[in-house]
C-alpha atoms as a PDB file:
ATOM      1  CA  MET A   1      -4.306 -63.018  14.505  1.00  0.00           C
ATOM      2  CA  GLU A   2      -3.229 -63.196  10.896  1.00  0.00           C
ATOM      3  CA  THR A   3      -3.197 -59.419  10.822  1.00  0.00           C
ATOM      4  CA  GLU A   4      -0.978 -59.210  13.897  1.00  0.00           C
ATOM      5  CA  ALA A   5       1.372 -61.816  12.436  1.00  0.00           C
ATOM      6  CA  SER A   6       1.618 -60.013   9.116  1.00  0.00           C
ATOM      7  CA  GLU A   7       2.145 -56.650  10.874  1.00  0.00           C
ATOM      8  CA  SER A   8       4.881 -58.054  13.076  1.00  0.00           C
ATOM      9  CA  ALA A   9       6.450 -59.778  10.041  1.00  0.00           C
ATOM     10  CA  GLY A  10       6.287 -56.506   8.130  1.00  0.00           C
ATOM     11  CA  SER A  11       7.917 -54.552  10.927  1.00  0.00           C
ATOM     12  CA  SER A  12      10.709 -57.086  11.358  1.00  0.00           C
ATOM     13  CA  GLU A  13      11.154 -57.059   7.567  1.00  0.00           C
ATOM     14  CA  SER A  14      11.424 -53.281   7.538  1.00  0.00           C
ATOM     15  CA  ARG A  15      13.902 -53.426  10.430  1.00  0.00           C
ATOM     16  CA  THR A  16      15.978 -55.887   8.438  1.00  0.00           C
ATOM     17  CA  GLN A  17      15.907 -53.609   5.370  1.00  0.00           C
ATOM     18  CA  SER A  18      16.872 -50.554   7.358  1.00  0.00           C
ATOM     19  CA  HIS A  19      19.662 -52.505   9.043  1.00  0.00           C
ATOM     20  CA  GLU A  20      21.066 -53.601   5.685  1.00  0.00           C
ATOM     21  CA  ASP A  21      20.743 -50.175   4.060  1.00  0.00           C
ATOM     22  CA  PRO A  22      21.078 -47.473   6.727  1.00  0.00           C
ATOM     23  CA  PRO A  23      19.713 -44.027   5.867  1.00  0.00           C
ATOM     24  CA  PRO A  24      22.206 -41.256   5.176  1.00  0.00           C
ATOM     25  CA  SER A  25      23.694 -39.799   8.342  1.00  0.00           C
ATOM     26  CA  GLY A  26      22.710 -36.266   7.415  1.00  0.00           C
ATOM     27  CA  LYS A  27      26.303 -35.150   7.924  1.00  0.00           C
ATOM     28  CA  GLY A  28      26.577 -34.340   4.213  1.00  0.00           C
ATOM     29  CA  PHE A  29      23.408 -32.268   4.241  1.00  0.00           C
ATOM     30  CA  GLY A  30      24.660 -30.236   7.193  1.00  0.00           C
ATOM     31  CA  ILE A  31      28.021 -29.594   5.567  1.00  0.00           C
ATOM     32  CA  ALA A  32      26.485 -28.727   2.205  1.00  0.00           C
ATOM     33  CA  TYR A  33      23.788 -26.383   3.488  1.00  0.00           C
ATOM     34  CA  ALA A  34      26.281 -24.537   5.703  1.00  0.00           C
ATOM     35  CA  PHE A  35      28.627 -24.244   2.701  1.00  0.00           C
ATOM     36  CA  VAL A  36      26.035 -22.904   0.231  1.00  0.00           C
ATOM     37  CA  ASN A  37      24.539 -20.513   2.778  1.00  0.00           C
ATOM     38  CA  LYS A  38      27.770 -18.479   2.898  1.00  0.00           C
ATOM     39  CA  ARG A  39      27.769 -17.523  -0.799  1.00  0.00           C
ATOM     40  CA  GLU A  40      26.859 -18.840  -4.243  1.00  0.00           C
ATOM     41  CA  ARG A  41      28.739 -22.092  -5.030  1.00  0.00           C
ATOM     42  CA  THR A  42      29.261 -24.362  -8.023  1.00  0.00           C
ATOM     43  CA  GLU A  43      28.439 -28.048  -8.017  1.00  0.00           C
ATOM     44  CA  ALA A  44      32.156 -28.865  -8.205  1.00  0.00           C
ATOM     45  CA  GLU A  45      32.890 -26.703  -5.154  1.00  0.00           C
ATOM     46  CA  VAL A  46      30.159 -28.450  -3.151  1.00  0.00           C
ATOM     47  CA  ARG A  47      31.423 -31.885  -4.226  1.00  0.00           C
ATOM     48  CA  ALA A  48      34.962 -30.950  -3.172  1.00  0.00           C
ATOM     49  CA  ARG A  49      33.733 -29.682   0.196  1.00  0.00           C
ATOM     50  CA  LEU A  50      31.781 -32.891   0.816  1.00  0.00           C
ATOM     51  CA  ALA A  51      34.861 -34.941  -0.097  1.00  0.00           C
ATOM     52  CA  ARG A  52      36.952 -32.955   2.414  1.00  0.00           C
ATOM     53  CA  GLY A  53      34.257 -33.703   5.004  1.00  0.00           C
ATOM     54  CA  GLU A  54      34.622 -37.423   4.226  1.00  0.00           C
ATOM     55  CA  VAL A  55      30.985 -37.785   3.199  1.00  0.00           C
ATOM     56  CA  PRO A  56      30.341 -41.165   1.486  1.00  0.00           C
ATOM     57  CA  ALA A  57      29.799 -41.085  -2.284  1.00  0.00           C
ATOM     58  CA  GLU A  58      26.189 -42.310  -2.067  1.00  0.00           C
ATOM     59  CA  GLU A  59      25.278 -39.569   0.387  1.00  0.00           C
ATOM     60  CA  THR A  60      27.123 -36.992  -1.712  1.00  0.00           C
ATOM     61  CA  GLU A  61      24.949 -37.878  -4.704  1.00  0.00           C
ATOM     62  CA  LEU A  62      21.776 -37.524  -2.604  1.00  0.00           C
ATOM     63  CA  VAL A  63      22.906 -34.161  -1.267  1.00  0.00           C
ATOM     64  CA  ILE A  64      23.849 -32.839  -4.720  1.00  0.00           C
ATOM     65  CA  ALA A  65      20.539 -34.036  -6.192  1.00  0.00           C
ATOM     66  CA  GLU A  66      18.584 -32.203  -3.487  1.00  0.00           C
ATOM     67  CA  LEU A  67      20.612 -29.008  -3.809  1.00  0.00           C
ATOM     68  CA  LEU A  68      20.097 -29.025  -7.584  1.00  0.00           C
ATOM     69  CA  GLU A  69      16.384 -29.812  -7.272  1.00  0.00           C
ATOM     70  CA  PHE A  70      15.725 -26.931  -4.896  1.00  0.00           C
ATOM     71  CA  GLY A  71      17.988 -24.470  -6.728  1.00  0.00           C
ATOM     72  CA  TYR A  72      20.654 -24.089  -4.065  1.00  0.00           C
ATOM     73  CA  ILE A  73      23.317 -24.789  -6.674  1.00  0.00           C
ATOM     74  CA  ASP A  74      23.012 -23.784 -10.306  1.00  0.00           C
ATOM     75  CA  ASP A  75      26.213 -23.501 -12.332  1.00  0.00           C
ATOM     76  CA  ALA A  76      24.529 -21.491 -15.112  1.00  0.00           C
ATOM     77  CA  ARG A  77      23.262 -18.903 -12.623  1.00  0.00           C
ATOM     78  CA  TYR A  78      26.668 -18.870 -10.912  1.00  0.00           C
ATOM     79  CA  ALA A  79      28.438 -18.187 -14.225  1.00  0.00           C
ATOM     80  CA  ARG A  80      26.035 -15.359 -15.139  1.00  0.00           C
ATOM     81  CA  VAL A  81      26.314 -13.671 -11.737  1.00  0.00           C
ATOM     82  CA  LEU A  82      30.100 -13.956 -11.529  1.00  0.00           C
ATOM     83  CA  THR A  83      30.447 -12.625 -15.075  1.00  0.00           C
ATOM     84  CA  GLN A  84      28.255  -9.596 -14.384  1.00  0.00           C
ATOM     85  CA  ASP A  85      29.872  -8.861 -11.025  1.00  0.00           C
ATOM     86  CA  LYS A  86      33.452  -9.142 -12.210  1.00  0.00           C
ATOM     87  CA  ARG A  87      32.791  -7.020 -15.290  1.00  0.00           C
ATOM     88  CA  ASN A  88      30.842  -4.315 -13.488  1.00  0.00           C
ATOM     89  CA  LEU A  89      32.602  -4.188 -10.136  1.00  0.00           C
ATOM     90  CA  GLU A  90      36.188  -5.149 -10.928  1.00  0.00           C
ATOM     91  CA  ALA A  91      36.400  -4.468 -14.700  1.00  0.00           C
ATOM     92  CA  TRP A  92      37.678  -7.968 -15.498  1.00  0.00           C
ATOM     93  CA  GLY A  93      38.106  -9.092 -19.098  1.00  0.00           C
ATOM     94  CA  ASN A  94      36.663 -12.247 -20.627  1.00  0.00           C
ATOM     95  CA  GLU A  95      39.858 -14.299 -20.335  1.00  0.00           C
ATOM     96  CA  ARG A  96      40.141 -13.789 -16.589  1.00  0.00           C
ATOM     97  CA  ILE A  97      36.437 -14.454 -16.033  1.00  0.00           C
ATOM     98  CA  ALA A  98      36.587 -17.665 -18.089  1.00  0.00           C
ATOM     99  CA  ARG A  99      39.708 -18.838 -16.258  1.00  0.00           C
ATOM    100  CA  THR A 100      38.066 -18.232 -12.871  1.00  0.00           C
ATOM    101  CA  LEU A 101      34.913 -20.090 -13.888  1.00  0.00           C
ATOM    102  CA  ARG A 102      36.945 -23.050 -15.202  1.00  0.00           C
ATOM    103  CA  GLU A 103      38.904 -23.166 -11.932  1.00  0.00           C
ATOM    104  CA  ARG A 104      35.623 -23.343 -10.040  1.00  0.00           C
ATOM    105  CA  GLY A 105      34.399 -26.270 -12.114  1.00  0.00           C
ATOM    106  CA  VAL A 106      31.893 -24.611 -14.438  1.00  0.00           C
ATOM    107  CA  GLU A 107      31.383 -26.382 -17.766  1.00  0.00           C
ATOM    108  CA  ARG A 108      32.654 -24.790 -20.964  1.00  0.00           C
ATOM    109  CA  ASP A 109      29.212 -24.318 -22.562  1.00  0.00           C
ATOM    110  CA  LEU A 110      27.927 -22.498 -19.463  1.00  0.00           C
ATOM    111  CA  ILE A 111      30.990 -20.231 -19.507  1.00  0.00           C
ATOM    112  CA  GLU A 112      30.415 -19.379 -23.168  1.00  0.00           C
ATOM    113  CA  ALA A 113      26.737 -18.653 -22.520  1.00  0.00           C
ATOM    114  CA  ALA A 114      27.495 -16.368 -19.576  1.00  0.00           C
ATOM    115  CA  LEU A 115      30.147 -14.439 -21.480  1.00  0.00           C
ATOM    116  CA  SER A 116      28.006 -13.982 -24.571  1.00  0.00           C
ATOM    117  CA  GLU A 117      24.888 -13.093 -22.583  1.00  0.00           C
ATOM    118  CA  ASP A 118      26.525  -9.975 -21.208  1.00  0.00           C
ATOM    119  CA  GLY A 119      28.023  -8.780 -24.472  1.00  0.00           C
ATOM    120  CA  GLY A 120      31.215 -10.787 -24.212  1.00  0.00           C
ATOM    121  CA  GLN A 121      32.973 -12.683 -26.948  1.00  0.00           C
ATOM    122  CA  ASP A 122      33.203 -16.424 -27.511  1.00  0.00           C
ATOM    123  CA  LEU A 123      36.634 -17.388 -26.193  1.00  0.00           C
ATOM    124  CA  PHE A 124      36.492 -20.800 -27.791  1.00  0.00           C
ATOM    125  CA  GLY A 125      35.491 -19.761 -31.293  1.00  0.00           C
ATOM    126  CA  ASP A 126      35.085 -16.682 -33.443  1.00  0.00           C
ATOM    127  CA  ALA A 127      34.467 -13.349 -31.783  1.00  0.00           C
ATOM    128  CA  ASP A 128      31.398 -11.473 -32.812  1.00  0.00           C
ATOM    129  CA  ASP A 129      32.125  -7.829 -33.693  1.00  0.00           C
ATOM    130  CA  ALA A 130      29.536  -6.280 -31.359  1.00  0.00           C
ATOM    131  CA  ALA A 131      30.840  -8.324 -28.434  1.00  0.00           C
ATOM    132  CA  ALA A 132      34.444  -7.387 -29.198  1.00  0.00           C
ATOM    133  CA  ASP A 133      33.436  -3.713 -29.413  1.00  0.00           C
ATOM    134  CA  SER A 134      31.723  -4.002 -26.049  1.00  0.00           C
ATOM    135  CA  GLU A 135      34.853  -5.459 -24.461  1.00  0.00           C
ATOM    136  CA  LEU A 136      36.957  -2.754 -26.113  1.00  0.00           C
ATOM    137  CA  ASP A 137      34.616  -0.068 -24.778  1.00  0.00           C
ATOM    138  CA  ARG A 138      34.890  -1.503 -21.259  1.00  0.00           C
ATOM    139  CA  ALA A 139      38.686  -1.530 -21.519  1.00  0.00           C
ATOM    140  CA  ILE A 140      38.792   2.092 -22.717  1.00  0.00           C
ATOM    141  CA  ALA A 141      36.432   3.140 -19.916  1.00  0.00           C
ATOM    142  CA  LEU A 142      38.664   1.403 -17.367  1.00  0.00           C
ATOM    143  CA  LEU A 143      41.721   3.266 -18.670  1.00  0.00           C
ATOM    144  CA  GLY A 144      39.803   6.537 -18.531  1.00  0.00           C
ATOM    145  CA  GLN A 145      39.020   5.895 -14.867  1.00  0.00           C
ATOM    146  CA  ARG A 146      42.507   4.757 -13.890  1.00  0.00           C
ATOM    147  CA  PHE A 147      44.427   7.342 -15.937  1.00  0.00           C
ATOM    148  CA  PRO A 148      42.131  10.348 -16.545  1.00  0.00           C
ATOM    149  CA  SER A 149      44.872  12.643 -17.855  1.00  0.00           C
ATOM    150  CA  GLY A 150      45.950  10.261 -20.598  1.00  0.00           C
ATOM    151  CA  PRO A 151      49.427   9.015 -21.448  1.00  0.00           C
ATOM    152  CA  ALA A 152      52.228  11.572 -21.156  1.00  0.00           C
ATOM    153  CA  ALA A 153      54.951   9.122 -22.257  1.00  0.00           C
ATOM    154  CA  ALA A 154      55.459   5.638 -23.658  1.00  0.00           C
ATOM    155  CA  ARG A 155      55.841   4.354 -20.093  1.00  0.00           C
ATOM    156  CA  ASP A 156      52.233   5.413 -19.371  1.00  0.00           C
ATOM    157  CA  ARG A 157      51.028   3.357 -22.324  1.00  0.00           C
ATOM    158  CA  GLU A 158      52.966   0.339 -21.050  1.00  0.00           C
ATOM    159  CA  ARG A 159      51.435   0.743 -17.590  1.00  0.00           C
ATOM    160  CA  ALA A 160      47.958   1.026 -19.133  1.00  0.00           C
ATOM    161  CA  PHE A 161      48.549  -2.128 -21.183  1.00  0.00           C
ATOM    162  CA  GLY A 162      49.725  -3.938 -18.020  1.00  0.00           C
ATOM    163  CA  VAL A 163      46.573  -2.936 -16.147  1.00  0.00           C
ATOM    164  CA  LEU A 164      44.389  -4.400 -18.891  1.00  0.00           C
ATOM    165  CA  ALA A 165      46.470  -7.569 -19.170  1.00  0.00           C
ATOM    166  CA  ARG A 166      46.176  -8.188 -15.407  1.00  0.00           C
ATOM    167  CA  LYS A 167      42.429  -7.596 -15.610  1.00  0.00           C
ATOM    168  CA  GLY A 168      42.209 -10.398 -18.176  1.00  0.00           C
ATOM    169  CA  TYR A 169      41.775  -8.561 -21.462  1.00  0.00           C
ATOM    170  CA  GLU A 170      43.243 -10.212 -24.545  1.00  0.00           C
ATOM    171  CA  SER A 171      46.460  -8.563 -25.715  1.00  0.00           C
ATOM    172  CA  GLU A 172      44.897  -7.435 -29.005  1.00  0.00           C
ATOM    173  CA  THR A 173      41.978  -5.834 -27.170  1.00  0.00           C
ATOM    174  CA  ALA A 174      44.355  -4.230 -24.662  1.00  0.00           C
ATOM    175  CA  SER A 175      46.521  -2.789 -27.467  1.00  0.00           C
ATOM    176  CA  ASP A 176      43.497  -1.402 -29.289  1.00  0.00           C
ATOM    177  CA  ALA A 177      42.139   0.076 -26.059  1.00  0.00           C
ATOM    178  CA  VAL A 178      45.449   1.775 -25.187  1.00  0.00           C
ATOM    179  CA  ARG A 179      45.691   3.229 -28.699  1.00  0.00           C
ATOM    180  CA  GLU A 180      42.094   4.519 -28.618  1.00  0.00           C
ATOM    181  CA  TRP A 181      42.456   5.840 -25.041  1.00  0.00           C
ATOM    182  CA  ALA A 182      45.621   7.733 -26.036  1.00  0.00           C
ATOM    183  CA  ARG A 183      43.886   9.161 -29.124  1.00  0.00           C
ATOM    184  CA  ARG A 184      40.824  10.324 -27.125  1.00  0.00           C
ATOM    185  CA  THR A 185      42.819  11.912 -24.308  1.00  0.00           C
ATOM    186  CA  SER A 186      45.326  13.699 -26.561  1.00  0.00           C
ATOM    187  CA  VAL A 187      42.623  15.790 -28.250  1.00  0.00           C
END
């Protein structure tokens, strides 16, 4: 009888606890998993999506913790992948990549690591010569693809500079690239 009494007391106690502290609805998990299954996301993007879905703060923290634990969100990986893709597929410069990563909520140190990992330069400190050369080489290659015949007039140089500026290359790098591109194509 004591066992039955203690079991029934335990079950009523657990009912009381669950009534006071209800488990998460699962709404946040559904929203988050659907969101991260579409493409790679940053932690900040997932938090913003959960806020738009009116998920309570406590549940948001549980969801984020689980997504981080199981590797569904990883800002360092996101920064590396975006950096490689934008450089290789769209010929973006470091400034534009860094701006995009900041807008998506990636921390400054992760941005610096991603840019330097792929031969980029440190936007927040001194540039290393090899990294700057690599960015210059990418800019010259882009101009060679876009304008294979080289500049015929000053207007062509201005257009080339504009292309690099829109792609996010620093103005000094863009100027150097236009000068070198003009030199190589005039020979």
